[in-house]
Amino acid sequence: MFLSRRSLLEGVLLAPLIPLSGSKPARAADDFPATITALREGYEAETAAYRRYALFGRLAGEDGYRGVAYLHTALASSEQIHAENYIRVLNGMGVSPQAPAETEIPIGTTKDNLIHAAERELNSINNTYPAILEQMKEEAHPEAMKIVEYSWASHKQHLDIINKIRRWSPRHFETVARKIDKKTDRYFVCGICGSTITKVPTDDCPVCKEAPGSYRLISPEDFSG
């Protein structure tokens, strides 16, 4: 039996509204309580890290440590990307967290600030990000898992310099600072994942695999405040 033209049109228009056999219904935000908690906390932590690096960079510049200031500035930009990723995913889940309150940032000398930053970076690599991923693992929200893995991988890019700073700065800070000054050329940060490198890759970003056009040059004055 042939369908009428009207019946045929109704079938075509309604087809997208009928679930395919075996397809999974979209999961609501209520299905991801641990993920939402982790992303909220991560958003606050990344925002605090951004503010801390921006301040450390400005203070290092005032003290005349050009390379150290630029390093902090580049890392501030990376942390800002991470924070933006967290809030983007939260918004996509229907969650709108308030901007974290600005708290007082403990500061010391440029030497103290650099060592403190290196210690925090290492703790993030070894403890913070693995714990976040473990917290979210059971719920397995793909986009949330991805952006946390991006943050973790971009932090691990700095592991070599982190270890050198921790090893040599306590007793040989001036030598370390001069080496950073001498070796500092330009920093580029990927706007997708926060990867921070000194030379734009010829192929895709090593972290998020996006095209190299996702990188932008960071100016030493970006967060001079």
C-alpha atoms as a PDB file:
ATOM      1  CA  MET A   1       0.000   0.000   0.000  1.00  0.00           C
ATOM      2  CA  PHE A   2       1.313   3.455  -0.930  1.00  0.00           C
ATOM      3  CA  LEU A   3       1.649   6.224   1.665  1.00  0.00           C
ATOM      4  CA  SER A   4      -0.057   9.532   1.040  1.00  0.00           C
ATOM      5  CA  ARG A   5       2.162  12.547   0.446  1.00  0.00           C
ATOM      6  CA  ARG A   6       1.087  13.974   3.810  1.00  0.00           C
ATOM      7  CA  SER A   7       1.945  10.758   5.662  1.00  0.00           C
ATOM      8  CA  LEU A   8       5.307  10.615   3.956  1.00  0.00           C
ATOM      9  CA  LEU A   9       6.159  14.208   4.919  1.00  0.00           C
ATOM     10  CA  GLU A  10       5.075  13.612   8.506  1.00  0.00           C
ATOM     11  CA  GLY A  11       7.297  10.571   8.673  1.00  0.00           C
ATOM     12  CA  VAL A  12      10.303  12.499   7.395  1.00  0.00           C
ATOM     13  CA  LEU A  13       9.768  15.413   9.769  1.00  0.00           C
ATOM     14  CA  LEU A  14       9.206  13.241  12.820  1.00  0.00           C
ATOM     15  CA  ALA A  15      11.986  10.765  12.121  1.00  0.00           C
ATOM     16  CA  PRO A  16      14.717  12.784  13.908  1.00  0.00           C
ATOM     17  CA  LEU A  17      12.541  12.817  17.024  1.00  0.00           C
ATOM     18  CA  ILE A  18      12.258   9.031  17.225  1.00  0.00           C
ATOM     19  CA  PRO A  19      15.206   7.368  19.034  1.00  0.00           C
ATOM     20  CA  LEU A  20      17.101   4.872  16.966  1.00  0.00           C
ATOM     21  CA  SER A  21      16.919   1.314  18.186  1.00  0.00           C
ATOM     22  CA  GLY A  22      19.763   0.710  20.626  1.00  0.00           C
ATOM     23  CA  SER A  23      20.780   4.380  20.834  1.00  0.00           C
ATOM     24  CA  LYS A  24      21.676   5.795  24.244  1.00  0.00           C
ATOM     25  CA  PRO A  25      19.644   8.699  25.624  1.00  0.00           C
ATOM     26  CA  ALA A  26      21.531  11.905  26.391  1.00  0.00           C
ATOM     27  CA  ARG A  27      22.806  11.965  29.961  1.00  0.00           C
ATOM     28  CA  ALA A  28      21.734  14.833  32.192  1.00  0.00           C
ATOM     29  CA  ALA A  29      23.996  16.890  34.423  1.00  0.00           C
ATOM     30  CA  ASP A  30      22.556  14.979  37.391  1.00  0.00           C
ATOM     31  CA  ASP A  31      24.416  11.939  36.076  1.00  0.00           C
ATOM     32  CA  PHE A  32      27.773  13.657  36.706  1.00  0.00           C
ATOM     33  CA  PRO A  33      27.866  14.924  40.320  1.00  0.00           C
ATOM     34  CA  ALA A  34      31.499  13.949  40.930  1.00  0.00           C
ATOM     35  CA  THR A  35      32.569  15.414  37.596  1.00  0.00           C
ATOM     36  CA  ILE A  36      30.813  18.709  38.274  1.00  0.00           C
ATOM     37  CA  THR A  37      32.410  18.934  41.718  1.00  0.00           C
ATOM     38  CA  ALA A  38      35.843  18.197  40.259  1.00  0.00           C
ATOM     39  CA  LEU A  39      35.409  20.770  37.491  1.00  0.00           C
ATOM     40  CA  ARG A  40      34.216  23.436  39.931  1.00  0.00           C
ATOM     41  CA  GLU A  41      37.247  22.845  42.131  1.00  0.00           C
ATOM     42  CA  GLY A  42      39.505  22.704  39.093  1.00  0.00           C
ATOM     43  CA  TYR A  43      38.124  25.989  37.772  1.00  0.00           C
ATOM     44  CA  GLU A  44      38.874  27.660  41.096  1.00  0.00           C
ATOM     45  CA  ALA A  45      42.375  26.156  41.237  1.00  0.00           C
ATOM     46  CA  GLU A  46      43.261  27.108  37.661  1.00  0.00           C
ATOM     47  CA  THR A  47      41.958  30.646  38.194  1.00  0.00           C
ATOM     48  CA  ALA A  48      44.016  30.979  41.370  1.00  0.00           C
ATOM     49  CA  ALA A  49      47.087  29.682  39.524  1.00  0.00           C
ATOM     50  CA  TYR A  50      46.539  32.218  36.745  1.00  0.00           C
ATOM     51  CA  ARG A  51      46.362  35.080  39.243  1.00  0.00           C
ATOM     52  CA  ARG A  52      49.409  33.798  41.120  1.00  0.00           C
ATOM     53  CA  TYR A  53      51.566  33.501  37.989  1.00  0.00           C
ATOM     54  CA  ALA A  54      50.445  36.894  36.721  1.00  0.00           C
ATOM     55  CA  LEU A  55      51.480  38.484  40.035  1.00  0.00           C
ATOM     56  CA  PHE A  56      54.771  36.571  40.220  1.00  0.00           C
ATOM     57  CA  GLY A  57      55.555  37.666  36.671  1.00  0.00           C
ATOM     58  CA  ARG A  58      54.927  41.317  37.427  1.00  0.00           C
ATOM     59  CA  LEU A  59      57.045  41.198  40.586  1.00  0.00           C
ATOM     60  CA  ALA A  60      59.908  39.387  38.833  1.00  0.00           C
ATOM     61  CA  GLY A  61      59.864  42.036  36.120  1.00  0.00           C
ATOM     62  CA  GLU A  62      60.037  44.793  38.723  1.00  0.00           C
ATOM     63  CA  ASP A  63      63.054  43.014  40.252  1.00  0.00           C
ATOM     64  CA  GLY A  64      64.803  42.914  36.874  1.00  0.00           C
ATOM     65  CA  TYR A  65      64.487  39.175  36.165  1.00  0.00           C
ATOM     66  CA  ARG A  66      63.272  39.389  32.592  1.00  0.00           C
ATOM     67  CA  GLY A  67      63.307  35.678  31.774  1.00  0.00           C
ATOM     68  CA  VAL A  68      61.684  34.610  35.031  1.00  0.00           C
ATOM     69  CA  ALA A  69      58.990  37.243  34.540  1.00  0.00           C
ATOM     70  CA  TYR A  70      58.305  36.030  31.014  1.00  0.00           C
ATOM     71  CA  LEU A  71      58.147  32.395  32.162  1.00  0.00           C
ATOM     72  CA  HIS A  72      55.547  33.271  34.798  1.00  0.00           C
ATOM     73  CA  THR A  73      53.594  35.285  32.227  1.00  0.00           C
ATOM     74  CA  ALA A  74      53.504  32.386  29.767  1.00  0.00           C
ATOM     75  CA  LEU A  75      52.362  29.985  32.482  1.00  0.00           C
ATOM     76  CA  ALA A  76      49.664  32.456  33.540  1.00  0.00           C
ATOM     77  CA  SER A  77      48.326  32.412  29.995  1.00  0.00           C
ATOM     78  CA  SER A  78      48.289  28.605  30.000  1.00  0.00           C
ATOM     79  CA  GLU A  79      46.409  28.482  33.307  1.00  0.00           C
ATOM     80  CA  GLN A  80      43.886  30.957  31.929  1.00  0.00           C
ATOM     81  CA  ILE A  81      43.176  28.598  29.005  1.00  0.00           C
ATOM     82  CA  HIS A  82      42.681  25.716  31.446  1.00  0.00           C
ATOM     83  CA  ALA A  83      40.233  27.755  33.546  1.00  0.00           C
ATOM     84  CA  GLU A  84      38.291  28.753  30.430  1.00  0.00           C
ATOM     85  CA  ASN A  85      38.070  25.106  29.366  1.00  0.00           C
ATOM     86  CA  TYR A  86      36.679  24.072  32.748  1.00  0.00           C
ATOM     87  CA  ILE A  87      33.987  26.724  32.762  1.00  0.00           C
ATOM     88  CA  ARG A  88      33.093  25.999  29.125  1.00  0.00           C
ATOM     89  CA  VAL A  89      32.418  22.343  29.922  1.00  0.00           C
ATOM     90  CA  LEU A  90      30.512  23.257  33.079  1.00  0.00           C
ATOM     91  CA  ASN A  91      28.341  25.676  31.105  1.00  0.00           C
ATOM     92  CA  GLY A  92      27.697  22.938  28.558  1.00  0.00           C
ATOM     93  CA  MET A  93      26.378  20.795  31.414  1.00  0.00           C
ATOM     94  CA  GLY A  94      24.043  23.574  32.515  1.00  0.00           C
ATOM     95  CA  VAL A  95      26.233  24.671  35.420  1.00  0.00           C
ATOM     96  CA  SER A  96      27.253  28.319  35.807  1.00  0.00           C
ATOM     97  CA  PRO A  97      29.830  28.664  38.585  1.00  0.00           C
ATOM     98  CA  GLN A  98      30.546  32.076  40.004  1.00  0.00           C
ATOM     99  CA  ALA A  99      33.969  33.570  39.492  1.00  0.00           C
ATOM    100  CA  PRO A 100      36.197  32.568  42.423  1.00  0.00           C
ATOM    101  CA  ALA A 101      36.733  35.254  45.023  1.00  0.00           C
ATOM    102  CA  GLU A 102      40.130  36.898  44.848  1.00  0.00           C
ATOM    103  CA  THR A 103      42.139  35.824  47.865  1.00  0.00           C
ATOM    104  CA  GLU A 104      45.434  37.221  49.083  1.00  0.00           C
ATOM    105  CA  ILE A 105      48.397  35.597  47.345  1.00  0.00           C
ATOM    106  CA  PRO A 106      51.401  34.911  49.601  1.00  0.00           C
ATOM    107  CA  ILE A 107      54.486  36.439  48.015  1.00  0.00           C
ATOM    108  CA  GLY A 108      58.188  36.458  48.754  1.00  0.00           C
ATOM    109  CA  THR A 109      61.294  37.326  46.818  1.00  0.00           C
ATOM    110  CA  THR A 110      61.495  36.383  43.145  1.00  0.00           C
ATOM    111  CA  LYS A 111      63.616  33.429  44.233  1.00  0.00           C
ATOM    112  CA  ASP A 112      60.980  32.318  46.756  1.00  0.00           C
ATOM    113  CA  ASN A 113      58.176  32.751  44.240  1.00  0.00           C
ATOM    114  CA  LEU A 114      59.969  30.738  41.556  1.00  0.00           C
ATOM    115  CA  ILE A 115      60.703  27.836  43.908  1.00  0.00           C
ATOM    116  CA  HIS A 116      57.145  27.934  45.251  1.00  0.00           C
ATOM    117  CA  ALA A 117      55.750  27.847  41.711  1.00  0.00           C
ATOM    118  CA  ALA A 118      57.950  24.880  40.792  1.00  0.00           C
ATOM    119  CA  GLU A 119      56.808  22.948  43.872  1.00  0.00           C
ATOM    120  CA  ARG A 120      53.159  23.591  43.065  1.00  0.00           C
ATOM    121  CA  GLU A 121      53.665  22.553  39.443  1.00  0.00           C
ATOM    122  CA  LEU A 122      55.239  19.276  40.511  1.00  0.00           C
ATOM    123  CA  ASN A 123      52.424  18.609  42.974  1.00  0.00           C
ATOM    124  CA  SER A 124      49.867  19.232  40.223  1.00  0.00           C
ATOM    125  CA  ILE A 125      51.612  16.773  37.921  1.00  0.00           C
ATOM    126  CA  ASN A 126      52.123  14.027  40.489  1.00  0.00           C
ATOM    127  CA  ASN A 127      48.992  14.378  42.602  1.00  0.00           C
ATOM    128  CA  THR A 128      46.323  16.897  41.614  1.00  0.00           C
ATOM    129  CA  TYR A 129      45.529  15.885  38.048  1.00  0.00           C
ATOM    130  CA  PRO A 130      45.711  12.120  38.644  1.00  0.00           C
ATOM    131  CA  ALA A 131      43.304  12.582  41.577  1.00  0.00           C
ATOM    132  CA  ILE A 132      40.866  14.607  39.465  1.00  0.00           C
ATOM    133  CA  LEU A 133      40.863  12.010  36.704  1.00  0.00           C
ATOM    134  CA  GLU A 134      40.322   9.239  39.241  1.00  0.00           C
ATOM    135  CA  GLN A 135      37.427  11.184  40.755  1.00  0.00           C
ATOM    136  CA  MET A 136      35.753  11.534  37.338  1.00  0.00           C
ATOM    137  CA  LYS A 137      36.622   8.095  35.955  1.00  0.00           C
ATOM    138  CA  GLU A 138      33.449   6.239  36.893  1.00  0.00           C
ATOM    139  CA  GLU A 139      31.152   8.871  35.352  1.00  0.00           C
ATOM    140  CA  ALA A 140      33.393   9.105  32.271  1.00  0.00           C
ATOM    141  CA  HIS A 141      32.183  12.423  30.860  1.00  0.00           C
ATOM    142  CA  PRO A 142      34.289  12.502  27.662  1.00  0.00           C
ATOM    143  CA  GLU A 143      34.734  16.266  27.294  1.00  0.00           C
ATOM    144  CA  ALA A 144      35.523  16.737  30.977  1.00  0.00           C
ATOM    145  CA  MET A 145      38.085  13.938  30.928  1.00  0.00           C
ATOM    146  CA  LYS A 146      39.656  15.407  27.809  1.00  0.00           C
ATOM    147  CA  ILE A 147      40.212  18.916  29.146  1.00  0.00           C
ATOM    148  CA  VAL A 148      41.709  17.627  32.401  1.00  0.00           C
ATOM    149  CA  GLU A 149      44.058  15.411  30.393  1.00  0.00           C
ATOM    150  CA  TYR A 150      44.981  18.490  28.336  1.00  0.00           C
ATOM    151  CA  SER A 151      45.805  20.420  31.512  1.00  0.00           C
ATOM    152  CA  TRP A 152      47.862  17.558  32.897  1.00  0.00           C
ATOM    153  CA  ALA A 153      49.804  17.042  29.666  1.00  0.00           C
ATOM    154  CA  SER A 154      50.573  20.746  29.276  1.00  0.00           C
ATOM    155  CA  HIS A 155      51.943  20.873  32.828  1.00  0.00           C
ATOM    156  CA  LYS A 156      54.141  17.852  32.159  1.00  0.00           C
ATOM    157  CA  GLN A 157      55.747  19.740  29.266  1.00  0.00           C
ATOM    158  CA  HIS A 158      57.572  21.824  31.896  1.00  0.00           C
ATOM    159  CA  LEU A 159      58.826  18.919  33.997  1.00  0.00           C
ATOM    160  CA  ASP A 160      62.474  19.322  33.001  1.00  0.00           C
ATOM    161  CA  ILE A 161      62.705  23.000  33.931  1.00  0.00           C
ATOM    162  CA  ILE A 162      60.647  22.372  37.090  1.00  0.00           C
ATOM    163  CA  ASN A 163      63.157  19.800  38.304  1.00  0.00           C
ATOM    164  CA  LYS A 164      66.100  22.064  37.473  1.00  0.00           C
ATOM    165  CA  ILE A 165      64.533  24.973  39.333  1.00  0.00           C
ATOM    166  CA  ARG A 166      63.871  22.803  42.383  1.00  0.00           C
ATOM    167  CA  ARG A 167      67.382  21.370  42.328  1.00  0.00           C
ATOM    168  CA  TRP A 168      69.469  24.463  41.709  1.00  0.00           C
ATOM    169  CA  SER A 169      67.491  27.546  42.756  1.00  0.00           C
ATOM    170  CA  PRO A 170      67.764  27.183  46.540  1.00  0.00           C
ATOM    171  CA  ARG A 171      71.566  27.702  46.482  1.00  0.00           C
ATOM    172  CA  HIS A 172      72.242  29.059  42.997  1.00  0.00           C
ATOM    173  CA  PHE A 173      69.246  31.229  42.195  1.00  0.00           C
ATOM    174  CA  GLU A 174      71.153  34.013  40.437  1.00  0.00           C
ATOM    175  CA  THR A 175      72.802  31.488  38.111  1.00  0.00           C
ATOM    176  CA  VAL A 176      69.435  29.859  37.380  1.00  0.00           C
ATOM    177  CA  ALA A 177      67.809  33.237  36.731  1.00  0.00           C
ATOM    178  CA  ARG A 178      70.597  34.286  34.351  1.00  0.00           C
ATOM    179  CA  LYS A 179      70.277  31.009  32.445  1.00  0.00           C
ATOM    180  CA  ILE A 180      66.525  31.488  32.132  1.00  0.00           C
ATOM    181  CA  ASP A 181      67.149  35.043  30.910  1.00  0.00           C
ATOM    182  CA  LYS A 182      69.711  33.849  28.374  1.00  0.00           C
ATOM    183  CA  LYS A 183      67.662  30.935  27.054  1.00  0.00           C
ATOM    184  CA  THR A 184      64.341  32.752  26.963  1.00  0.00           C
ATOM    185  CA  ASP A 185      63.345  33.679  23.443  1.00  0.00           C
ATOM    186  CA  ARG A 186      59.611  33.481  22.855  1.00  0.00           C
ATOM    187  CA  TYR A 187      56.758  31.507  24.383  1.00  0.00           C
ATOM    188  CA  PHE A 188      53.724  30.303  22.477  1.00  0.00           C
ATOM    189  CA  VAL A 189      50.542  28.983  24.104  1.00  0.00           C
ATOM    190  CA  CYS A 190      47.895  26.830  22.433  1.00  0.00           C
ATOM    191  CA  GLY A 191      44.466  28.405  22.783  1.00  0.00           C
ATOM    192  CA  ILE A 192      42.805  24.988  22.817  1.00  0.00           C
ATOM    193  CA  CYS A 193      44.719  23.094  25.512  1.00  0.00           C
ATOM    194  CA  GLY A 194      47.214  25.503  27.102  1.00  0.00           C
ATOM    195  CA  SER A 195      50.326  23.766  25.760  1.00  0.00           C
ATOM    196  CA  THR A 196      53.269  26.121  26.324  1.00  0.00           C
ATOM    197  CA  ILE A 197      56.324  25.867  24.084  1.00  0.00           C
ATOM    198  CA  THR A 198      59.150  28.019  22.729  1.00  0.00           C
ATOM    199  CA  LYS A 199      58.669  27.104  19.072  1.00  0.00           C
ATOM    200  CA  VAL A 200      55.442  26.529  17.150  1.00  0.00           C
ATOM    201  CA  PRO A 201      55.338  22.921  15.899  1.00  0.00           C
ATOM    202  CA  THR A 202      55.380  22.274  12.183  1.00  0.00           C
ATOM    203  CA  ASP A 203      52.760  19.576  12.683  1.00  0.00           C
ATOM    204  CA  ASP A 204      49.825  19.470  15.080  1.00  0.00           C
ATOM    205  CA  CYS A 205      49.907  20.545  18.726  1.00  0.00           C
ATOM    206  CA  PRO A 206      51.646  17.797  20.733  1.00  0.00           C
ATOM    207  CA  VAL A 207      48.901  17.870  23.376  1.00  0.00           C
ATOM    208  CA  CYS A 208      45.508  18.416  21.700  1.00  0.00           C
ATOM    209  CA  LYS A 209      46.532  17.539  18.112  1.00  0.00           C
ATOM    210  CA  GLU A 210      44.958  20.717  16.731  1.00  0.00           C
ATOM    211  CA  ALA A 211      46.600  22.650  13.903  1.00  0.00           C
ATOM    212  CA  PRO A 212      49.625  24.806  14.831  1.00  0.00           C
ATOM    213  CA  GLY A 213      47.541  27.886  14.085  1.00  0.00           C
ATOM    214  CA  SER A 214      45.979  27.419  17.529  1.00  0.00           C
ATOM    215  CA  TYR A 215      49.186  28.805  19.091  1.00  0.00           C
ATOM    216  CA  ARG A 216      49.666  32.484  19.819  1.00  0.00           C
ATOM    217  CA  LEU A 217      52.775  34.378  20.802  1.00  0.00           C
ATOM    218  CA  ILE A 218      52.743  35.497  24.429  1.00  0.00           C
ATOM    219  CA  SER A 219      53.942  39.017  25.033  1.00  0.00           C
ATOM    220  CA  PRO A 220      56.043  39.590  28.163  1.00  0.00           C
ATOM    221  CA  GLU A 221      53.685  42.485  28.934  1.00  0.00           C
ATOM    222  CA  ASP A 222      50.467  40.443  28.745  1.00  0.00           C
ATOM    223  CA  PHE A 223      49.979  40.374  32.512  1.00  0.00           C
ATOM    224  CA  SER A 224      52.252  43.204  33.579  1.00  0.00           C
ATOM    225  CA  GLY A 225      49.236  44.713  35.356  1.00  0.00           C
END
